[in-house]
Amino acid sequence: MAMAAPMPTDAQSLRAAYGAPDFIRREMDTELWRYDGAACAAFFFLYREGDVLKLRYSETLPRGMSMAADPACVQSLSGRAGAMF
């Protein structure tokens, strides 16, 4: 059984893992990135720490069974066009 790749921790690793987001909302020191999958959408909330945007929270629609982000939805994003893995 293959292990899931670790969750990205910053903007650079999100882009490397899933390609360009479908939507970005920018505010002062925060950004919301949305990725649209075939059966779900994933939302990543990033906060500026110095010169780096760090991932602080993620969730999906539909939500996971016992958590805000459904691991199957997030994993499905790795097959997006433009993703590096």
Protein backbone atom coordinates (compact mmCIF):
# COMPACT_ATOMS: atom_id res chain seq x y z
CA MET A 1 0.00 0.00 0.00
CA ALA A 2 1.47 3.38 -1.01
CA MET A 3 1.76 6.03 1.67
CA ALA A 4 0.12 9.38 1.09
CA ALA A 5 2.46 12.27 0.43
CA PRO A 6 2.85 14.63 3.39
CA MET A 7 0.58 17.68 3.44
CA PRO A 8 2.30 20.76 2.00
CA THR A 9 3.25 23.33 4.63
CA ASP A 10 3.64 26.54 2.60
CA ALA A 11 2.64 28.23 -0.67
CA GLN A 12 5.62 26.89 -2.60
CA SER A 13 4.96 23.27 -1.63
CA LEU A 14 1.22 23.66 -2.35
CA ARG A 15 1.98 24.81 -5.91
CA ALA A 16 4.53 22.00 -6.34
CA ALA A 17 2.02 19.39 -5.15
CA TYR A 18 -1.23 20.60 -6.76
CA GLY A 19 -0.33 23.17 -9.44
CA ALA A 20 -1.87 26.62 -9.64
CA PRO A 21 -4.98 27.23 -7.52
CA ASP A 22 -8.31 27.81 -9.25
CA PHE A 23 -9.00 30.85 -7.06
CA ILE A 24 -6.92 33.06 -4.74
CA ARG A 25 -8.31 35.62 -2.30
CA ARG A 26 -5.68 37.98 -0.90
CA GLU A 27 -6.04 40.11 2.21
CA MET A 28 -3.49 41.87 4.42
CA ASP A 29 -1.18 39.01 5.50
CA THR A 30 -3.42 36.11 4.52
CA GLU A 31 -4.44 34.25 1.39
CA LEU A 32 -7.15 31.69 0.70
CA TRP A 33 -6.35 29.25 -2.09
CA ARG A 34 -9.13 27.08 -3.56
CA TYR A 35 -8.52 24.00 -5.68
CA ASP A 36 -11.44 22.45 -7.54
CA GLY A 37 -11.38 18.68 -7.91
CA ALA A 38 -13.78 16.50 -9.89
CA ALA A 39 -15.89 15.67 -6.82
CA CYS A 40 -14.77 18.19 -4.19
CA ALA A 41 -13.11 21.52 -3.48
CA ALA A 42 -10.17 22.10 -1.12
CA PHE A 43 -9.51 25.37 0.67
CA PHE A 44 -6.08 26.24 2.02
CA PHE A 45 -5.63 29.19 4.40
CA LEU A 46 -2.14 30.68 4.32
CA TYR A 47 -0.65 33.29 6.66
CA ARG A 48 2.47 35.35 6.06
CA GLU A 49 5.46 34.59 8.30
CA GLY A 50 8.26 36.88 7.18
CA ASP A 51 8.62 36.38 3.42
CA VAL A 52 6.83 33.00 3.37
CA LEU A 53 3.14 32.11 3.21
CA LYS A 54 2.63 29.21 5.66
CA LEU A 55 -0.32 26.84 5.58
CA ARG A 56 -2.28 27.24 8.79
CA TYR A 57 -5.58 25.46 8.07
CA SER A 58 -7.32 23.46 5.35
CA GLU A 59 -10.81 22.17 4.74
CA THR A 60 -12.78 20.54 1.95
CA LEU A 61 -16.31 20.51 0.62
CA PRO A 62 -17.69 18.03 1.28
CA ARG A 63 -16.03 17.88 4.69
CA GLY A 64 -14.19 14.85 6.03
CA MET A 65 -15.94 12.38 8.32
CA SER A 66 -14.07 13.37 11.48
CA MET A 67 -12.06 16.39 10.32
CA ALA A 68 -12.49 19.54 8.27
CA ALA A 69 -10.36 18.29 5.36
CA ASP A 70 -11.26 15.00 3.67
CA PRO A 71 -7.94 13.22 3.00
CA ALA A 72 -9.35 11.54 -0.14
CA CYS A 73 -10.26 14.94 -1.61
CA VAL A 74 -6.82 16.40 -0.89
CA GLN A 75 -5.11 13.30 -2.31
CA SER A 76 -7.21 13.56 -5.51
CA LEU A 77 -5.68 16.99 -6.20
CA SER A 78 -2.27 15.47 -6.89
CA GLY A 79 -3.56 14.34 -10.29
CA ARG A 80 -4.36 17.89 -11.43
CA ALA A 81 -2.86 19.18 -14.66
CA GLY A 82 0.33 21.08 -13.90
CA ALA A 83 0.99 19.30 -10.63
CA MET A 84 4.54 18.03 -10.24
CA PHE A 85 3.60 14.77 -8.51
